[in-house]
Amino acid sequence: PECQDRVPGVTACDEYPFWATMQGGPSAVPKPHLDVISYLDNRDQGLRYGNFVQNCHMTTGDKFLGIPLAPDLGIPTQTRICNGH
């Protein structure tokens, strides 16, 4: 219900933890935080997450640390710091 007002191609349902993770998927407990955001921002973040998984050769069950940062803090982000890969 948090994302009922999304407009396809304009807005999207954003979730954290990421939907593709065990903590953010449909069986996650507790339920992920959901919010309607820009479609392009959501798509770009999904692409970054996918690149991170691919570049770090991650497989199902691999652990990683995600630290959400507000963009207005001006802190540079790194999407490819791999443990042992």
PDB file of N, CA and C in Angstrom:
ATOM      1  N   PRO A   1       0.804  -1.219   0.000  1.00  0.00           N
ATOM      2  CA  PRO A   1       0.000   0.000   0.000  1.00  0.00           C
ATOM      3  C   PRO A   1       0.846   1.284   0.000  1.00  0.00           C
ATOM      4  N   GLU A   2       2.104   1.210   0.480  1.00  0.00           N
ATOM      5  CA  GLU A   2       2.957   2.394   0.514  1.00  0.00           C
ATOM      6  C   GLU A   2       3.259   2.907  -0.888  1.00  0.00           C
ATOM      7  N   CYS A   3       3.163   2.048  -1.874  1.00  0.00           N
ATOM      8  CA  CYS A   3       3.551   2.427  -3.237  1.00  0.00           C
ATOM      9  C   CYS A   3       2.377   2.457  -4.208  1.00  0.00           C
ATOM     10  N   GLN A   4       1.170   2.528  -3.709  1.00  0.00           N
ATOM     11  CA  GLN A   4      -0.016   2.544  -4.575  1.00  0.00           C
ATOM     12  C   GLN A   4      -0.047   3.747  -5.512  1.00  0.00           C
ATOM     13  N   ASP A   5       0.567   4.859  -5.099  1.00  0.00           N
ATOM     14  CA  ASP A   5       0.477   6.091  -5.886  1.00  0.00           C
ATOM     15  C   ASP A   5       1.561   6.230  -6.944  1.00  0.00           C
ATOM     16  N   ARG A   6       2.335   5.188  -7.188  1.00  0.00           N
ATOM     17  CA  ARG A   6       3.403   5.317  -8.183  1.00  0.00           C
ATOM     18  C   ARG A   6       2.801   5.420  -9.584  1.00  0.00           C
ATOM     19  N   VAL A   7       3.526   6.144 -10.444  1.00  0.00           N
ATOM     20  CA  VAL A   7       3.099   6.350 -11.829  1.00  0.00           C
ATOM     21  C   VAL A   7       4.136   5.663 -12.713  1.00  0.00           C
ATOM     22  N   PRO A   8       3.772   4.588 -13.428  1.00  0.00           N
ATOM     23  CA  PRO A   8       4.740   3.858 -14.243  1.00  0.00           C
ATOM     24  C   PRO A   8       5.527   4.778 -15.177  1.00  0.00           C
ATOM     25  N   GLY A   9       6.860   4.618 -15.150  1.00  0.00           N
ATOM     26  CA  GLY A   9       7.735   5.412 -15.992  1.00  0.00           C
ATOM     27  C   GLY A   9       8.068   6.787 -15.423  1.00  0.00           C
ATOM     28  N   VAL A  10       7.388   7.189 -14.353  1.00  0.00           N
ATOM     29  CA  VAL A  10       7.630   8.492 -13.727  1.00  0.00           C
ATOM     30  C   VAL A  10       8.132   8.301 -12.299  1.00  0.00           C
ATOM     31  N   THR A  11       7.446   7.460 -11.544  1.00  0.00           N
ATOM     32  CA  THR A  11       7.853   7.150 -10.177  1.00  0.00           C
ATOM     33  C   THR A  11       7.930   5.639 -10.026  1.00  0.00           C
ATOM     34  N   ALA A  12       8.616   5.202  -8.971  1.00  0.00           N
ATOM     35  CA  ALA A  12       8.770   3.770  -8.725  1.00  0.00           C
ATOM     36  C   ALA A  12       8.764   3.528  -7.223  1.00  0.00           C
ATOM     37  N   CYS A  13       8.553   2.285  -6.849  1.00  0.00           N
ATOM     38  CA  CYS A  13       8.579   1.908  -5.448  1.00  0.00           C
ATOM     39  C   CYS A  13      10.018   1.558  -5.073  1.00  0.00           C
ATOM     40  N   ASP A  14      10.579   2.324  -4.161  1.00  0.00           N
ATOM     41  CA  ASP A  14      11.937   2.101  -3.689  1.00  0.00           C
ATOM     42  C   ASP A  14      11.869   1.340  -2.375  1.00  0.00           C
ATOM     43  N   GLU A  15      12.786   0.398  -2.200  1.00  0.00           N
ATOM     44  CA  GLU A  15      12.806  -0.389  -0.979  1.00  0.00           C
ATOM     45  C   GLU A  15      14.211  -0.436  -0.409  1.00  0.00           C
ATOM     46  N   TYR A  16      14.267  -0.467   0.905  1.00  0.00           N
ATOM     47  CA  TYR A  16      15.549  -0.653   1.581  1.00  0.00           C
ATOM     48  C   TYR A  16      15.287  -1.477   2.817  1.00  0.00           C
ATOM     49  N   PRO A  17      15.989  -2.557   2.999  1.00  0.00           N
ATOM     50  CA  PRO A  17      17.048  -3.130   2.175  1.00  0.00           C
ATOM     51  C   PRO A  17      16.553  -3.494   0.771  1.00  0.00           C
ATOM     52  N   PHE A  18      17.509  -3.668  -0.141  1.00  0.00           N
ATOM     53  CA  PHE A  18      17.213  -3.921  -1.550  1.00  0.00           C
ATOM     54  C   PHE A  18      16.336  -5.156  -1.732  1.00  0.00           C
ATOM     55  N   TRP A  19      15.406  -5.086  -2.662  1.00  0.00           N
ATOM     56  CA  TRP A  19      14.472  -6.173  -2.955  1.00  0.00           C
ATOM     57  C   TRP A  19      15.212  -7.469  -3.299  1.00  0.00           C
ATOM     58  N   ALA A  20      16.330  -7.358  -3.970  1.00  0.00           N
ATOM     59  CA  ALA A  20      17.068  -8.543  -4.426  1.00  0.00           C
ATOM     60  C   ALA A  20      17.838  -9.231  -3.292  1.00  0.00           C
ATOM     61  N   THR A  21      17.785  -8.681  -2.083  1.00  0.00           N
ATOM     62  CA  THR A  21      18.490  -9.309  -0.962  1.00  0.00           C
ATOM     63  C   THR A  21      17.505 -10.087  -0.101  1.00  0.00           C
ATOM     64  N   MET A  22      18.045 -10.969   0.721  1.00  0.00           N
ATOM     65  CA  MET A  22      17.200 -11.752   1.619  1.00  0.00           C
ATOM     66  C   MET A  22      16.488 -10.848   2.631  1.00  0.00           C
ATOM     67  N   GLN A  23      17.124  -9.731   3.001  1.00  0.00           N
ATOM     68  CA  GLN A  23      16.539  -8.820   3.981  1.00  0.00           C
ATOM     69  C   GLN A  23      15.500  -7.882   3.374  1.00  0.00           C
ATOM     70  N   GLY A  24      15.456  -7.793   2.052  1.00  0.00           N
ATOM     71  CA  GLY A  24      14.545  -6.849   1.430  1.00  0.00           C
ATOM     72  C   GLY A  24      13.493  -7.461   0.544  1.00  0.00           C
ATOM     73  N   GLY A  25      13.527  -8.738   0.330  1.00  0.00           N
ATOM     74  CA  GLY A  25      12.596  -9.402  -0.576  1.00  0.00           C
ATOM     75  C   GLY A  25      11.224  -9.631   0.026  1.00  0.00           C
ATOM     76  N   PRO A  26      10.402 -10.358  -0.689  1.00  0.00           N
ATOM     77  CA  PRO A  26       9.009 -10.535  -0.276  1.00  0.00           C
ATOM     78  C   PRO A  26       8.843 -11.297   1.042  1.00  0.00           C
ATOM     79  N   SER A  27       9.831 -12.076   1.441  1.00  0.00           N
ATOM     80  CA  SER A  27       9.731 -12.845   2.683  1.00  0.00           C
ATOM     81  C   SER A  27      10.459 -12.183   3.844  1.00  0.00           C
ATOM     82  N   ALA A  28      10.936 -10.964   3.646  1.00  0.00           N
ATOM     83  CA  ALA A  28      11.751 -10.289   4.663  1.00  0.00           C
ATOM     84  C   ALA A  28      10.951  -9.973   5.925  1.00  0.00           C
ATOM     85  N   VAL A  29      11.599 -10.213   7.052  1.00  0.00           N
ATOM     86  CA  VAL A  29      11.043  -9.846   8.351  1.00  0.00           C
ATOM     87  C   VAL A  29      12.171  -9.177   9.119  1.00  0.00           C
ATOM     88  N   PRO A  30      12.041  -7.933   9.526  1.00  0.00           N
ATOM     89  CA  PRO A  30      10.881  -7.071   9.318  1.00  0.00           C
ATOM     90  C   PRO A  30      10.769  -6.634   7.867  1.00  0.00           C
ATOM     91  N   LYS A  31       9.609  -6.113   7.546  1.00  0.00           N
ATOM     92  CA  LYS A  31       9.320  -5.647   6.194  1.00  0.00           C
ATOM     93  C   LYS A  31      10.245  -4.474   5.831  1.00  0.00           C
ATOM     94  N   PRO A  32      10.740  -4.426   4.594  1.00  0.00           N
ATOM     95  CA  PRO A  32      11.602  -3.310   4.175  1.00  0.00           C
ATOM     96  C   PRO A  32      10.862  -1.974   4.192  1.00  0.00           C
ATOM     97  N   HIS A  33      11.637  -0.899   4.278  1.00  0.00           N
ATOM     98  CA  HIS A  33      11.071   0.442   4.163  1.00  0.00           C
ATOM     99  C   HIS A  33      10.725   0.678   2.699  1.00  0.00           C
ATOM    100  N   LEU A  34       9.525   1.119   2.425  1.00  0.00           N
ATOM    101  CA  LEU A  34       9.065   1.370   1.058  1.00  0.00           C
ATOM    102  C   LEU A  34       8.673   2.834   0.906  1.00  0.00           C
ATOM    103  N   ASP A  35       8.987   3.391  -0.264  1.00  0.00           N
ATOM    104  CA  ASP A  35       8.635   4.778  -0.534  1.00  0.00           C
ATOM    105  C   ASP A  35       8.582   4.992  -2.043  1.00  0.00           C
ATOM    106  N   VAL A  36       7.755   5.917  -2.488  1.00  0.00           N
ATOM    107  CA  VAL A  36       7.673   6.267  -3.905  1.00  0.00           C
ATOM    108  C   VAL A  36       8.749   7.314  -4.193  1.00  0.00           C
ATOM    109  N   ILE A  37       9.610   7.021  -5.198  1.00  0.00           N
ATOM    110  CA  ILE A  37      10.669   7.948  -5.596  1.00  0.00           C
ATOM    111  C   ILE A  37      10.680   8.068  -7.120  1.00  0.00           C
ATOM    112  N   SER A  38      11.561   8.894  -7.628  1.00  0.00           N
ATOM    113  CA  SER A  38      11.728   9.074  -9.066  1.00  0.00           C
ATOM    114  C   SER A  38      12.063   7.733  -9.731  1.00  0.00           C
ATOM    115  N   TYR A  39      11.409   7.466 -10.846  1.00  0.00           N
ATOM    116  CA  TYR A  39      11.679   6.243 -11.592  1.00  0.00           C
ATOM    117  C   TYR A  39      13.148   6.169 -12.006  1.00  0.00           C
ATOM    118  N   LEU A  40      13.695   7.287 -12.505  1.00  0.00           N
ATOM    119  CA  LEU A  40      15.089   7.286 -12.965  1.00  0.00           C
ATOM    120  C   LEU A  40      16.065   7.052 -11.822  1.00  0.00           C
ATOM    121  N   ASP A  41      15.827   7.654 -10.664  1.00  0.00           N
ATOM    122  CA  ASP A  41      16.692   7.413  -9.504  1.00  0.00           C
ATOM    123  C   ASP A  41      16.642   5.952  -9.083  1.00  0.00           C
ATOM    124  N   ASN A  42      15.452   5.386  -9.058  1.00  0.00           N
ATOM    125  CA  ASN A  42      15.297   3.985  -8.659  1.00  0.00           C
ATOM    126  C   ASN A  42      16.000   3.061  -9.659  1.00  0.00           C
ATOM    127  N   ARG A  43      15.833   3.341 -10.936  1.00  0.00           N
ATOM    128  CA  ARG A  43      16.484   2.532 -11.963  1.00  0.00           C
ATOM    129  C   ARG A  43      18.009   2.618 -11.842  1.00  0.00           C
ATOM    130  N   ASP A  44      18.522   3.829 -11.661  1.00  0.00           N
ATOM    131  CA  ASP A  44      19.974   4.007 -11.551  1.00  0.00           C
ATOM    132  C   ASP A  44      20.544   3.282 -10.336  1.00  0.00           C
ATOM    133  N   GLN A  45      19.847   3.332  -9.220  1.00  0.00           N
ATOM    134  CA  GLN A  45      20.321   2.618  -8.028  1.00  0.00           C
ATOM    135  C   GLN A  45      20.290   1.108  -8.248  1.00  0.00           C
ATOM    136  N   GLY A  46      19.272   0.619  -8.929  1.00  0.00           N
ATOM    137  CA  GLY A  46      19.202  -0.806  -9.248  1.00  0.00           C
ATOM    138  C   GLY A  46      20.357  -1.232 -10.143  1.00  0.00           C
ATOM    139  N   LEU A  47      20.695  -0.388 -11.118  1.00  0.00           N
ATOM    140  CA  LEU A  47      21.830  -0.691 -11.997  1.00  0.00           C
ATOM    141  C   LEU A  47      23.138  -0.705 -11.214  1.00  0.00           C
ATOM    142  N   ARG A  48      23.308   0.229 -10.284  1.00  0.00           N
ATOM    143  CA  ARG A  48      24.520   0.266  -9.462  1.00  0.00           C
ATOM    144  C   ARG A  48      24.621  -0.981  -8.587  1.00  0.00           C
ATOM    145  N   TYR A  49      23.513  -1.372  -8.001  1.00  0.00           N
ATOM    146  CA  TYR A  49      23.519  -2.584  -7.176  1.00  0.00           C
ATOM    147  C   TYR A  49      23.860  -3.805  -8.039  1.00  0.00           C
ATOM    148  N   GLY A  50      23.261  -3.902  -9.211  1.00  0.00           N
ATOM    149  CA  GLY A  50      23.551  -5.016 -10.112  1.00  0.00           C
ATOM    150  C   GLY A  50      25.016  -5.049 -10.526  1.00  0.00           C
ATOM    151  N   ASN A  51      25.587  -3.885 -10.805  1.00  0.00           N
ATOM    152  CA  ASN A  51      27.009  -3.821 -11.155  1.00  0.00           C
ATOM    153  C   ASN A  51      27.881  -4.255  -9.982  1.00  0.00           C
ATOM    154  N   PHE A  52      27.525  -3.838  -8.782  1.00  0.00           N
ATOM    155  CA  PHE A  52      28.258  -4.224  -7.582  1.00  0.00           C
ATOM    156  C   PHE A  52      28.257  -5.754  -7.436  1.00  0.00           C
ATOM    157  N   VAL A  53      27.099  -6.358  -7.552  1.00  0.00           N
ATOM    158  CA  VAL A  53      26.977  -7.819  -7.429  1.00  0.00           C
ATOM    159  C   VAL A  53      27.817  -8.517  -8.500  1.00  0.00           C
ATOM    160  N   GLN A  54      27.737  -8.037  -9.721  1.00  0.00           N
ATOM    161  CA  GLN A  54      28.477  -8.648 -10.826  1.00  0.00           C
ATOM    162  C   GLN A  54      29.984  -8.437 -10.675  1.00  0.00           C
ATOM    163  N   ASN A  55      30.409  -7.217 -10.417  1.00  0.00           N
ATOM    164  CA  ASN A  55      31.832  -6.915 -10.320  1.00  0.00           C
ATOM    165  C   ASN A  55      32.510  -7.616  -9.144  1.00  0.00           C
ATOM    166  N   CYS A  56      31.762  -7.839  -8.075  1.00  0.00           N
ATOM    167  CA  CYS A  56      32.323  -8.515  -6.898  1.00  0.00           C
ATOM    168  C   CYS A  56      32.094 -10.021  -6.940  1.00  0.00           C
ATOM    169  N   HIS A  57      31.543 -10.524  -8.047  1.00  0.00           N
ATOM    170  CA  HIS A  57      31.321 -11.965  -8.227  1.00  0.00           C
ATOM    171  C   HIS A  57      30.530 -12.561  -7.065  1.00  0.00           C
ATOM    172  N   MET A  58      29.496 -11.863  -6.659  1.00  0.00           N
ATOM    173  CA  MET A  58      28.691 -12.314  -5.528  1.00  0.00           C
ATOM    174  C   MET A  58      27.704 -13.383  -5.974  1.00  0.00           C
ATOM    175  N   THR A  59      27.413 -14.284  -5.067  1.00  0.00           N
ATOM    176  CA  THR A  59      26.417 -15.317  -5.307  1.00  0.00           C
ATOM    177  C   THR A  59      25.407 -15.288  -4.164  1.00  0.00           C
ATOM    178  N   THR A  60      24.338 -16.026  -4.311  1.00  0.00           N
ATOM    179  CA  THR A  60      23.299 -16.071  -3.295  1.00  0.00           C
ATOM    180  C   THR A  60      23.895 -16.414  -1.935  1.00  0.00           C
ATOM    181  N   GLY A  61      23.557 -15.604  -0.955  1.00  0.00           N
ATOM    182  CA  GLY A  61      24.024 -15.833   0.406  1.00  0.00           C
ATOM    183  C   GLY A  61      25.277 -15.068   0.780  1.00  0.00           C
ATOM    184  N   ASP A  62      25.988 -14.496  -0.218  1.00  0.00           N
ATOM    185  CA  ASP A  62      27.164 -13.692   0.103  1.00  0.00           C
ATOM    186  C   ASP A  62      26.737 -12.470   0.914  1.00  0.00           C
ATOM    187  N   LYS A  63      27.534 -12.132   1.904  1.00  0.00           N
ATOM    188  CA  LYS A  63      27.217 -11.000   2.764  1.00  0.00           C
ATOM    189  C   LYS A  63      27.938  -9.747   2.282  1.00  0.00           C
ATOM    190  N   PHE A  64      27.306  -8.601   2.511  1.00  0.00           N
ATOM    191  CA  PHE A  64      27.923  -7.318   2.217  1.00  0.00           C
ATOM    192  C   PHE A  64      27.351  -6.283   3.170  1.00  0.00           C
ATOM    193  N   LEU A  65      28.055  -5.194   3.314  1.00  0.00           N
ATOM    194  CA  LEU A  65      27.623  -4.115   4.194  1.00  0.00           C
ATOM    195  C   LEU A  65      27.113  -2.962   3.341  1.00  0.00           C
ATOM    196  N   GLY A  66      25.919  -2.525   3.614  1.00  0.00           N
ATOM    197  CA  GLY A  66      25.349  -1.375   2.926  1.00  0.00           C
ATOM    198  C   GLY A  66      25.155  -0.240   3.914  1.00  0.00           C
ATOM    199  N   ILE A  67      25.680   0.921   3.588  1.00  0.00           N
ATOM    200  CA  ILE A  67      25.542   2.088   4.452  1.00  0.00           C
ATOM    201  C   ILE A  67      24.793   3.165   3.670  1.00  0.00           C
ATOM    202  N   PRO A  68      23.519   3.398   4.002  1.00  0.00           N
ATOM    203  CA  PRO A  68      22.771   4.424   3.271  1.00  0.00           C
ATOM    204  C   PRO A  68      23.263   5.821   3.643  1.00  0.00           C
ATOM    205  N   LEU A  69      23.529   6.630   2.639  1.00  0.00           N
ATOM    206  CA  LEU A  69      23.996   7.996   2.844  1.00  0.00           C
ATOM    207  C   LEU A  69      23.078   8.968   2.110  1.00  0.00           C
ATOM    208  N   ALA A  70      22.709  10.037   2.772  1.00  0.00           N
ATOM    209  CA  ALA A  70      21.896  11.068   2.133  1.00  0.00           C
ATOM    210  C   ALA A  70      22.752  11.813   1.116  1.00  0.00           C
ATOM    211  N   PRO A  71      22.282  11.963  -0.117  1.00  0.00           N
ATOM    212  CA  PRO A  71      23.070  12.642  -1.154  1.00  0.00           C
ATOM    213  C   PRO A  71      23.499  14.058  -0.772  1.00  0.00           C
ATOM    214  N   ASP A  72      22.677  14.753   0.003  1.00  0.00           N
ATOM    215  CA  ASP A  72      23.004  16.134   0.345  1.00  0.00           C
ATOM    216  C   ASP A  72      24.168  16.255   1.331  1.00  0.00           C
ATOM    217  N   LEU A  73      24.667  15.126   1.855  1.00  0.00           N
ATOM    218  CA  LEU A  73      25.840  15.167   2.731  1.00  0.00           C
ATOM    219  C   LEU A  73      27.117  15.426   1.942  1.00  0.00           C
ATOM    220  N   GLY A  74      27.085  15.148   0.634  1.00  0.00           N
ATOM    221  CA  GLY A  74      28.257  15.374  -0.197  1.00  0.00           C
ATOM    222  C   GLY A  74      29.374  14.377   0.027  1.00  0.00           C
ATOM    223  N   ILE A  75      29.054  13.226   0.628  1.00  0.00           N
ATOM    224  CA  ILE A  75      30.059  12.194   0.876  1.00  0.00           C
ATOM    225  C   ILE A  75      30.183  11.327  -0.376  1.00  0.00           C
ATOM    226  N   PRO A  76      31.403  11.187  -0.925  1.00  0.00           N
ATOM    227  CA  PRO A  76      31.568  10.342  -2.114  1.00  0.00           C
ATOM    228  C   PRO A  76      31.182   8.900  -1.792  1.00  0.00           C
ATOM    229  N   THR A  77      30.604   8.224  -2.754  1.00  0.00           N
ATOM    230  CA  THR A  77      30.211   6.826  -2.546  1.00  0.00           C
ATOM    231  C   THR A  77      31.047   5.921  -3.428  1.00  0.00           C
ATOM    232  N   GLN A  78      31.204   4.715  -2.979  1.00  0.00           N
ATOM    233  CA  GLN A  78      31.962   3.702  -3.715  1.00  0.00           C
ATOM    234  C   GLN A  78      31.038   2.502  -3.865  1.00  0.00           C
ATOM    235  N   THR A  79      30.860   2.026  -5.072  1.00  0.00           N
ATOM    236  CA  THR A  79      29.968   0.896  -5.271  1.00  0.00           C
ATOM    237  C   THR A  79      30.719  -0.402  -5.520  1.00  0.00           C
ATOM    238  N   ARG A  80      32.048  -0.367  -5.419  1.00  0.00           N
ATOM    239  CA  ARG A  80      32.779  -1.605  -5.704  1.00  0.00           C
ATOM    240  C   ARG A  80      33.955  -1.782  -4.747  1.00  0.00           C
ATOM    241  N   ILE A  81      33.663  -2.109  -3.539  1.00  0.00           N
ATOM    242  CA  ILE A  81      34.692  -2.518  -2.590  1.00  0.00           C
ATOM    243  C   ILE A  81      34.356  -3.964  -2.250  1.00  0.00           C
ATOM    244  N   CYS A  82      35.140  -4.877  -2.782  1.00  0.00           N
ATOM    245  CA  CYS A  82      34.827  -6.299  -2.658  1.00  0.00           C
ATOM    246  C   CYS A  82      35.716  -6.962  -1.625  1.00  0.00           C
ATOM    247  N   ASN A  83      35.151  -7.833  -0.842  1.00  0.00           N
ATOM    248  CA  ASN A  83      35.903  -8.618   0.128  1.00  0.00           C
ATOM    249  C   ASN A  83      36.510  -9.833  -0.550  1.00  0.00           C
ATOM    250  N   GLY A  84      37.806  -9.777  -0.791  1.00  0.00           N
ATOM    251  CA  GLY A  84      38.505 -10.947  -1.317  1.00  0.00           C
ATOM    252  C   GLY A  84      38.233 -11.281  -2.763  1.00  0.00           C
ATOM    253  N   HIS A  85      37.532 -10.448  -3.500  1.00  0.00           N
ATOM    254  CA  HIS A  85      37.261 -10.720  -4.917  1.00  0.00           C
ATOM    255  C   HIS A  85      37.962  -9.684  -5.769  1.00  0.00           C
TER     256      HIS A  85
END
